[in-house]
Amino acid sequence: MSYEAIRQVLLYATLINYAILIIWFLLFVFARQFLKRLQGSWFNLSDNTFDVIHYSGIAFYKIAIIMFNLVPWIAMTLARNS
């Protein structure tokens, strides 16, 4: 795989992962009760625990996107232009 192809894959992976993150956040904000009912059938969670799990998951996913997709793409772009 060429250098440019890897850069493109990282860019597309970043965009796709951010789209997933935004969808997750919007579902959590606007369809919270639906998610709570859906996951409540599997796990018996209080409202506070449910919120903490989702906010922590969203934060972890965002940090992972930045570390594994965005930062390598920026580094490769800067290295290519220098």
PDB file of N, CA and C in Angstrom:
ATOM      1  N   MET A   1       0.845  -1.173   0.000  1.00  0.00           N
ATOM      2  CA  MET A   1       0.000   0.000   0.000  1.00  0.00           C
ATOM      3  C   MET A   1       0.892   1.238   0.000  1.00  0.00           C
ATOM      4  N   SER A   2       0.567   2.190  -0.837  1.00  0.00           N
ATOM      5  CA  SER A   2       1.396   3.381  -0.951  1.00  0.00           C
ATOM      6  C   SER A   2       1.126   4.361   0.195  1.00  0.00           C
ATOM      7  N   TYR A   3       2.040   5.283   0.333  1.00  0.00           N
ATOM      8  CA  TYR A   3       1.942   6.311   1.374  1.00  0.00           C
ATOM      9  C   TYR A   3       0.647   7.107   1.221  1.00  0.00           C
ATOM     10  N   GLU A   4       0.354   7.493  -0.002  1.00  0.00           N
ATOM     11  CA  GLU A   4      -0.854   8.281  -0.268  1.00  0.00           C
ATOM     12  C   GLU A   4      -2.122   7.479   0.007  1.00  0.00           C
ATOM     13  N   ALA A   5      -2.103   6.199  -0.290  1.00  0.00           N
ATOM     14  CA  ALA A   5      -3.268   5.347  -0.021  1.00  0.00           C
ATOM     15  C   ALA A   5      -3.515   5.225   1.484  1.00  0.00           C
ATOM     16  N   ILE A   6      -2.447   5.106   2.258  1.00  0.00           N
ATOM     17  CA  ILE A   6      -2.594   5.023   3.716  1.00  0.00           C
ATOM     18  C   ILE A   6      -3.177   6.326   4.259  1.00  0.00           C
ATOM     19  N   ARG A   7      -2.709   7.456   3.732  1.00  0.00           N
ATOM     20  CA  ARG A   7      -3.265   8.748   4.136  1.00  0.00           C
ATOM     21  C   ARG A   7      -4.760   8.819   3.845  1.00  0.00           C
ATOM     22  N   GLN A   8      -5.158   8.360   2.670  1.00  0.00           N
ATOM     23  CA  GLN A   8      -6.578   8.390   2.302  1.00  0.00           C
ATOM     24  C   GLN A   8      -7.409   7.477   3.204  1.00  0.00           C
ATOM     25  N   VAL A   9      -6.877   6.301   3.512  1.00  0.00           N
ATOM     26  CA  VAL A   9      -7.587   5.373   4.403  1.00  0.00           C
ATOM     27  C   VAL A   9      -7.769   6.008   5.780  1.00  0.00           C
ATOM     28  N   LEU A  10      -6.734   6.648   6.297  1.00  0.00           N
ATOM     29  CA  LEU A  10      -6.845   7.311   7.599  1.00  0.00           C
ATOM     30  C   LEU A  10      -7.867   8.446   7.564  1.00  0.00           C
ATOM     31  N   LEU A  11      -7.892   9.194   6.469  1.00  0.00           N
ATOM     32  CA  LEU A  11      -8.863  10.278   6.345  1.00  0.00           C
ATOM     33  C   LEU A  11     -10.285   9.731   6.322  1.00  0.00           C
ATOM     34  N   TYR A  12     -10.533   8.721   5.493  1.00  0.00           N
ATOM     35  CA  TYR A  12     -11.879   8.135   5.414  1.00  0.00           C
ATOM     36  C   TYR A  12     -12.272   7.467   6.733  1.00  0.00           C
ATOM     37  N   ALA A  13     -11.325   6.814   7.392  1.00  0.00           N
ATOM     38  CA  ALA A  13     -11.612   6.191   8.687  1.00  0.00           C
ATOM     39  C   ALA A  13     -11.981   7.253   9.722  1.00  0.00           C
ATOM     40  N   THR A  14     -11.289   8.378   9.695  1.00  0.00           N
ATOM     41  CA  THR A  14     -11.610   9.473  10.611  1.00  0.00           C
ATOM     42  C   THR A  14     -13.016   9.992  10.366  1.00  0.00           C
ATOM     43  N   LEU A  15     -13.360  10.219   9.112  1.00  0.00           N
ATOM     44  CA  LEU A  15     -14.689  10.741   8.785  1.00  0.00           C
ATOM     45  C   LEU A  15     -15.791   9.754   9.156  1.00  0.00           C
ATOM     46  N   ILE A  16     -15.593   8.489   8.857  1.00  0.00           N
ATOM     47  CA  ILE A  16     -16.591   7.463   9.183  1.00  0.00           C
ATOM     48  C   ILE A  16     -16.754   7.341  10.696  1.00  0.00           C
ATOM     49  N   ASN A  17     -15.644   7.322  11.419  1.00  0.00           N
ATOM     50  CA  ASN A  17     -15.719   7.198  12.874  1.00  0.00           C
ATOM     51  C   ASN A  17     -16.366   8.419  13.520  1.00  0.00           C
ATOM     52  N   TYR A  18     -16.091   9.616  13.002  1.00  0.00           N
ATOM     53  CA  TYR A  18     -16.764  10.798  13.542  1.00  0.00           C
ATOM     54  C   TYR A  18     -18.255  10.773  13.234  1.00  0.00           C
ATOM     55  N   ALA A  19     -18.646  10.253  12.073  1.00  0.00           N
ATOM     56  CA  ALA A  19     -20.075  10.111  11.758  1.00  0.00           C
ATOM     57  C   ALA A  19     -20.747   9.162  12.749  1.00  0.00           C
ATOM     58  N   ILE A  20     -20.094   8.051  13.053  1.00  0.00           N
ATOM     59  CA  ILE A  20     -20.630   7.106  14.045  1.00  0.00           C
ATOM     60  C   ILE A  20     -20.737   7.777  15.409  1.00  0.00           C
ATOM     61  N   LEU A  21     -19.722   8.540  15.788  1.00  0.00           N
ATOM     62  CA  LEU A  21     -19.735   9.246  17.070  1.00  0.00           C
ATOM     63  C   LEU A  21     -20.891  10.243  17.146  1.00  0.00           C
ATOM     64  N   ILE A  22     -21.120  10.983  16.083  1.00  0.00           N
ATOM     65  CA  ILE A  22     -22.209  11.960  16.061  1.00  0.00           C
ATOM     66  C   ILE A  22     -23.563  11.265  16.134  1.00  0.00           C
ATOM     67  N   ILE A  23     -23.721  10.164  15.405  1.00  0.00           N
ATOM     68  CA  ILE A  23     -24.976   9.403  15.459  1.00  0.00           C
ATOM     69  C   ILE A  23     -25.218   8.883  16.871  1.00  0.00           C
ATOM     70  N   TRP A  24     -24.181   8.331  17.494  1.00  0.00           N
ATOM     71  CA  TRP A  24     -24.301   7.832  18.871  1.00  0.00           C
ATOM     72  C   TRP A  24     -24.735   8.958  19.809  1.00  0.00           C
ATOM     73  N   PHE A  25     -24.089  10.125  19.695  1.00  0.00           N
ATOM     74  CA  PHE A  25     -24.428  11.255  20.549  1.00  0.00           C
ATOM     75  C   PHE A  25     -25.866  11.715  20.317  1.00  0.00           C
ATOM     76  N   LEU A  26     -26.267  11.830  19.049  1.00  0.00           N
ATOM     77  CA  LEU A  26     -27.632  12.263  18.748  1.00  0.00           C
ATOM     78  C   LEU A  26     -28.665  11.259  19.248  1.00  0.00           C
ATOM     79  N   LEU A  27     -28.376   9.974  19.102  1.00  0.00           N
ATOM     80  CA  LEU A  27     -29.280   8.962  19.650  1.00  0.00           C
ATOM     81  C   LEU A  27     -29.380   9.091  21.164  1.00  0.00           C
ATOM     82  N   PHE A  28     -28.255   9.314  21.800  1.00  0.00           N
ATOM     83  CA  PHE A  28     -28.257   9.443  23.260  1.00  0.00           C
ATOM     84  C   PHE A  28     -29.045  10.671  23.704  1.00  0.00           C
ATOM     85  N   VAL A  29     -28.926  11.765  22.968  1.00  0.00           N
ATOM     86  CA  VAL A  29     -29.615  12.994  23.355  1.00  0.00           C
ATOM     87  C   VAL A  29     -31.109  12.927  23.036  1.00  0.00           C
ATOM     88  N   PHE A  30     -31.452  12.487  21.816  1.00  0.00           N
ATOM     89  CA  PHE A  30     -32.840  12.569  21.374  1.00  0.00           C
ATOM     90  C   PHE A  30     -33.637  11.277  21.537  1.00  0.00           C
ATOM     91  N   ALA A  31     -32.981  10.149  21.704  1.00  0.00           N
ATOM     92  CA  ALA A  31     -33.689   8.867  21.849  1.00  0.00           C
ATOM     93  C   ALA A  31     -33.203   8.131  23.094  1.00  0.00           C
ATOM     94  N   ARG A  32     -32.951   8.892  24.140  1.00  0.00           N
ATOM     95  CA  ARG A  32     -32.397   8.303  25.364  1.00  0.00           C
ATOM     96  C   ARG A  32     -33.319   7.248  25.962  1.00  0.00           C
ATOM     97  N   GLN A  33     -34.598   7.536  26.005  1.00  0.00           N
ATOM     98  CA  GLN A  33     -35.539   6.581  26.603  1.00  0.00           C
ATOM     99  C   GLN A  33     -35.619   5.290  25.792  1.00  0.00           C
ATOM    100  N   PHE A  34     -35.557   5.411  24.472  1.00  0.00           N
ATOM    101  CA  PHE A  34     -35.544   4.215  23.628  1.00  0.00           C
ATOM    102  C   PHE A  34     -34.312   3.363  23.925  1.00  0.00           C
ATOM    103  N   LEU A  35     -33.150   4.002  23.998  1.00  0.00           N
ATOM    104  CA  LEU A  35     -31.919   3.272  24.318  1.00  0.00           C
ATOM    105  C   LEU A  35     -31.991   2.658  25.709  1.00  0.00           C
ATOM    106  N   LYS A  36     -32.546   3.400  26.654  1.00  0.00           N
ATOM    107  CA  LYS A  36     -32.661   2.893  28.028  1.00  0.00           C
ATOM    108  C   LYS A  36     -33.566   1.665  28.076  1.00  0.00           C
ATOM    109  N   ARG A  37     -34.693   1.708  27.363  1.00  0.00           N
ATOM    110  CA  ARG A  37     -35.592   0.549  27.326  1.00  0.00           C
ATOM    111  C   ARG A  37     -34.929  -0.635  26.638  1.00  0.00           C
ATOM    112  N   LEU A  38     -34.254  -0.372  25.525  1.00  0.00           N
ATOM    113  CA  LEU A  38     -33.589  -1.436  24.774  1.00  0.00           C
ATOM    114  C   LEU A  38     -32.514  -2.106  25.616  1.00  0.00           C
ATOM    115  N   GLN A  39     -31.650  -1.318  26.221  1.00  0.00           N
ATOM    116  CA  GLN A  39     -30.570  -1.881  27.018  1.00  0.00           C
ATOM    117  C   GLN A  39     -31.036  -2.300  28.403  1.00  0.00           C
ATOM    118  N   GLY A  40     -32.148  -1.750  28.851  1.00  0.00           N
ATOM    119  CA  GLY A  40     -32.703  -2.145  30.137  1.00  0.00           C
ATOM    120  C   GLY A  40     -33.214  -3.570  30.138  1.00  0.00           C
ATOM    121  N   SER A  41     -33.550  -4.076  28.954  1.00  0.00           N
ATOM    122  CA  SER A  41     -33.981  -5.478  28.879  1.00  0.00           C
ATOM    123  C   SER A  41     -32.802  -6.434  29.069  1.00  0.00           C
ATOM    124  N   TRP A  42     -31.584  -5.950  28.845  1.00  0.00           N
ATOM    125  CA  TRP A  42     -30.385  -6.780  29.014  1.00  0.00           C
ATOM    126  C   TRP A  42     -29.717  -6.536  30.362  1.00  0.00           C
ATOM    127  N   PHE A  43     -29.674  -5.263  30.781  1.00  0.00           N
ATOM    128  CA  PHE A  43     -28.963  -4.877  31.997  1.00  0.00           C
ATOM    129  C   PHE A  43     -29.885  -4.054  32.877  1.00  0.00           C
ATOM    130  N   ASN A  44     -29.812  -4.264  34.157  1.00  0.00           N
ATOM    131  CA  ASN A  44     -30.599  -3.487  35.107  1.00  0.00           C
ATOM    132  C   ASN A  44     -29.741  -2.324  35.597  1.00  0.00           C
ATOM    133  N   LEU A  45     -29.834  -1.174  34.908  1.00  0.00           N
ATOM    134  CA  LEU A  45     -29.000  -0.016  35.222  1.00  0.00           C
ATOM    135  C   LEU A  45     -29.857   1.137  35.725  1.00  0.00           C
ATOM    136  N   SER A  46     -29.326   1.863  36.692  1.00  0.00           N
ATOM    137  CA  SER A  46     -29.992   3.096  37.114  1.00  0.00           C
ATOM    138  C   SER A  46     -29.755   4.167  36.050  1.00  0.00           C
ATOM    139  N   ASP A  47     -30.512   5.255  36.128  1.00  0.00           N
ATOM    140  CA  ASP A  47     -30.344   6.334  35.150  1.00  0.00           C
ATOM    141  C   ASP A  47     -28.943   6.933  35.204  1.00  0.00           C
ATOM    142  N   ASN A  48     -28.422   7.131  36.410  1.00  0.00           N
ATOM    143  CA  ASN A  48     -27.074   7.705  36.544  1.00  0.00           C
ATOM    144  C   ASN A  48     -26.015   6.783  35.957  1.00  0.00           C
ATOM    145  N   THR A  49     -26.115   5.498  36.224  1.00  0.00           N
ATOM    146  CA  THR A  49     -25.146   4.535  35.690  1.00  0.00           C
ATOM    147  C   THR A  49     -25.233   4.481  34.173  1.00  0.00           C
ATOM    148  N   PHE A  50     -26.441   4.495  33.654  1.00  0.00           N
ATOM    149  CA  PHE A  50     -26.652   4.496  32.205  1.00  0.00           C
ATOM    150  C   PHE A  50     -25.981   5.709  31.560  1.00  0.00           C
ATOM    151  N   ASP A  51     -26.186   6.898  32.151  1.00  0.00           N
ATOM    152  CA  ASP A  51     -25.580   8.118  31.621  1.00  0.00           C
ATOM    153  C   ASP A  51     -24.059   8.065  31.681  1.00  0.00           C
ATOM    154  N   VAL A  52     -23.520   7.616  32.806  1.00  0.00           N
ATOM    155  CA  VAL A  52     -22.063   7.552  32.967  1.00  0.00           C
ATOM    156  C   VAL A  52     -21.445   6.592  31.956  1.00  0.00           C
ATOM    157  N   ILE A  53     -22.077   5.457  31.748  1.00  0.00           N
ATOM    158  CA  ILE A  53     -21.552   4.484  30.787  1.00  0.00           C
ATOM    159  C   ILE A  53     -21.525   5.079  29.384  1.00  0.00           C
ATOM    160  N   HIS A  54     -22.607   5.745  28.988  1.00  0.00           N
ATOM    161  CA  HIS A  54     -22.644   6.314  27.638  1.00  0.00           C
ATOM    162  C   HIS A  54     -21.685   7.487  27.476  1.00  0.00           C
ATOM    163  N   TYR A  55     -21.654   8.394  28.442  1.00  0.00           N
ATOM    164  CA  TYR A  55     -20.720   9.517  28.343  1.00  0.00           C
ATOM    165  C   TYR A  55     -19.271   9.033  28.346  1.00  0.00           C
ATOM    166  N   SER A  56     -18.965   8.042  29.141  1.00  0.00           N
ATOM    167  CA  SER A  56     -17.605   7.487  29.162  1.00  0.00           C
ATOM    168  C   SER A  56     -17.276   6.811  27.838  1.00  0.00           C
ATOM    169  N   GLY A  57     -18.225   6.082  27.305  1.00  0.00           N
ATOM    170  CA  GLY A  57     -18.016   5.426  26.014  1.00  0.00           C
ATOM    171  C   GLY A  57     -17.799   6.426  24.900  1.00  0.00           C
ATOM    172  N   ILE A  58     -18.603   7.482  24.887  1.00  0.00           N
ATOM    173  CA  ILE A  58     -18.447   8.524  23.869  1.00  0.00           C
ATOM    174  C   ILE A  58     -17.079   9.193  24.008  1.00  0.00           C
ATOM    175  N   ALA A  59     -16.666   9.498  25.227  1.00  0.00           N
ATOM    176  CA  ALA A  59     -15.361  10.132  25.448  1.00  0.00           C
ATOM    177  C   ALA A  59     -14.221   9.216  25.023  1.00  0.00           C
ATOM    178  N   PHE A  60     -14.298   7.940  25.400  1.00  0.00           N
ATOM    179  CA  PHE A  60     -13.252   6.991  25.022  1.00  0.00           C
ATOM    180  C   PHE A  60     -13.176   6.841  23.506  1.00  0.00           C
ATOM    181  N   TYR A  61     -14.323   6.736  22.846  1.00  0.00           N
ATOM    182  CA  TYR A  61     -14.357   6.578  21.389  1.00  0.00           C
ATOM    183  C   TYR A  61     -13.770   7.809  20.700  1.00  0.00           C
ATOM    184  N   LYS A  62     -14.095   8.993  21.206  1.00  0.00           N
ATOM    185  CA  LYS A  62     -13.562  10.222  20.632  1.00  0.00           C
ATOM    186  C   LYS A  62     -12.043  10.286  20.779  1.00  0.00           C
ATOM    187  N   ILE A  63     -11.531   9.940  21.954  1.00  0.00           N
ATOM    188  CA  ILE A  63     -10.079   9.932  22.168  1.00  0.00           C
ATOM    189  C   ILE A  63      -9.409   8.907  21.261  1.00  0.00           C
ATOM    190  N   ALA A  64     -10.024   7.742  21.094  1.00  0.00           N
ATOM    191  CA  ALA A  64      -9.459   6.704  20.221  1.00  0.00           C
ATOM    192  C   ALA A  64      -9.424   7.174  18.770  1.00  0.00           C
ATOM    193  N   ILE A  65     -10.463   7.865  18.315  1.00  0.00           N
ATOM    194  CA  ILE A  65     -10.474   8.396  16.945  1.00  0.00           C
ATOM    195  C   ILE A  65      -9.329   9.379  16.763  1.00  0.00           C
ATOM    196  N   ILE A  66      -9.167  10.261  17.721  1.00  0.00           N
ATOM    197  CA  ILE A  66      -8.105  11.261  17.619  1.00  0.00           C
ATOM    198  C   ILE A  66      -6.735  10.592  17.609  1.00  0.00           C
ATOM    199  N   MET A  67      -6.521   9.635  18.509  1.00  0.00           N
ATOM    200  CA  MET A  67      -5.203   8.995  18.627  1.00  0.00           C
ATOM    201  C   MET A  67      -4.863   8.100  17.439  1.00  0.00           C
ATOM    202  N   PHE A  68      -5.820   7.320  16.970  1.00  0.00           N
ATOM    203  CA  PHE A  68      -5.516   6.288  15.982  1.00  0.00           C
ATOM    204  C   PHE A  68      -5.850   6.666  14.544  1.00  0.00           C
ATOM    205  N   ASN A  69      -6.627   7.720  14.339  1.00  0.00           N
ATOM    206  CA  ASN A  69      -6.972   8.128  12.980  1.00  0.00           C
ATOM    207  C   ASN A  69      -6.505   9.541  12.653  1.00  0.00           C
ATOM    208  N   LEU A  70      -6.905  10.496  13.481  1.00  0.00           N
ATOM    209  CA  LEU A  70      -6.659  11.894  13.148  1.00  0.00           C
ATOM    210  C   LEU A  70      -5.192  12.294  13.290  1.00  0.00           C
ATOM    211  N   VAL A  71      -4.566  11.955  14.401  1.00  0.00           N
ATOM    212  CA  VAL A  71      -3.163  12.337  14.615  1.00  0.00           C
ATOM    213  C   VAL A  71      -2.234  11.698  13.574  1.00  0.00           C
ATOM    214  N   PRO A  72      -2.369  10.391  13.275  1.00  0.00           N
ATOM    215  CA  PRO A  72      -1.516   9.836  12.214  1.00  0.00           C
ATOM    216  C   PRO A  72      -1.749  10.499  10.855  1.00  0.00           C
ATOM    217  N   TRP A  73      -3.009  10.834  10.551  1.00  0.00           N
ATOM    218  CA  TRP A  73      -3.294  11.500   9.278  1.00  0.00           C
ATOM    219  C   TRP A  73      -2.636  12.880   9.231  1.00  0.00           C
ATOM    220  N   ILE A  74      -2.730  13.640  10.326  1.00  0.00           N
ATOM    221  CA  ILE A  74      -2.093  14.960  10.380  1.00  0.00           C
ATOM    222  C   ILE A  74      -0.580  14.828  10.259  1.00  0.00           C
ATOM    223  N   ALA A  75       0.007  13.867  10.963  1.00  0.00           N
ATOM    224  CA  ALA A  75       1.461  13.667  10.894  1.00  0.00           C
ATOM    225  C   ALA A  75       1.901  13.302   9.484  1.00  0.00           C
ATOM    226  N   MET A  76       1.160  12.427   8.832  1.00  0.00           N
ATOM    227  CA  MET A  76       1.525  12.035   7.465  1.00  0.00           C
ATOM    228  C   MET A  76       1.344  13.193   6.488  1.00  0.00           C
ATOM    229  N   THR A  77       0.319  14.005   6.703  1.00  0.00           N
ATOM    230  CA  THR A  77       0.098  15.162   5.836  1.00  0.00           C
ATOM    231  C   THR A  77       1.205  16.190   6.018  1.00  0.00           C
ATOM    232  N   LEU A  78       1.594  16.447   7.263  1.00  0.00           N
ATOM    233  CA  LEU A  78       2.680  17.399   7.509  1.00  0.00           C
ATOM    234  C   LEU A  78       4.009  16.874   6.980  1.00  0.00           C
ATOM    235  N   ALA A  79       4.253  15.577   7.118  1.00  0.00           N
ATOM    236  CA  ALA A  79       5.503  14.991   6.629  1.00  0.00           C
ATOM    237  C   ALA A  79       5.563  15.041   5.106  1.00  0.00           C
ATOM    238  N   ARG A  80       4.423  14.876   4.463  1.00  0.00           N
ATOM    239  CA  ARG A  80       4.386  14.905   3.005  1.00  0.00           C
ATOM    240  C   ARG A  80       4.653  16.306   2.483  1.00  0.00           C
ATOM    241  N   ASN A  81       4.159  17.313   3.192  1.00  0.00           N
ATOM    242  CA  ASN A  81       4.290  18.692   2.731  1.00  0.00           C
ATOM    243  C   ASN A  81       5.625  19.329   3.088  1.00  0.00           C
ATOM    244  N   SER A  82       6.419  18.677   3.929  1.00  0.00           N
ATOM    245  CA  SER A  82       7.694  19.293   4.317  1.00  0.00           C
ATOM    246  C   SER A  82       8.848  18.781   3.491  1.00  0.00           C
TER     247      SER A  82
END
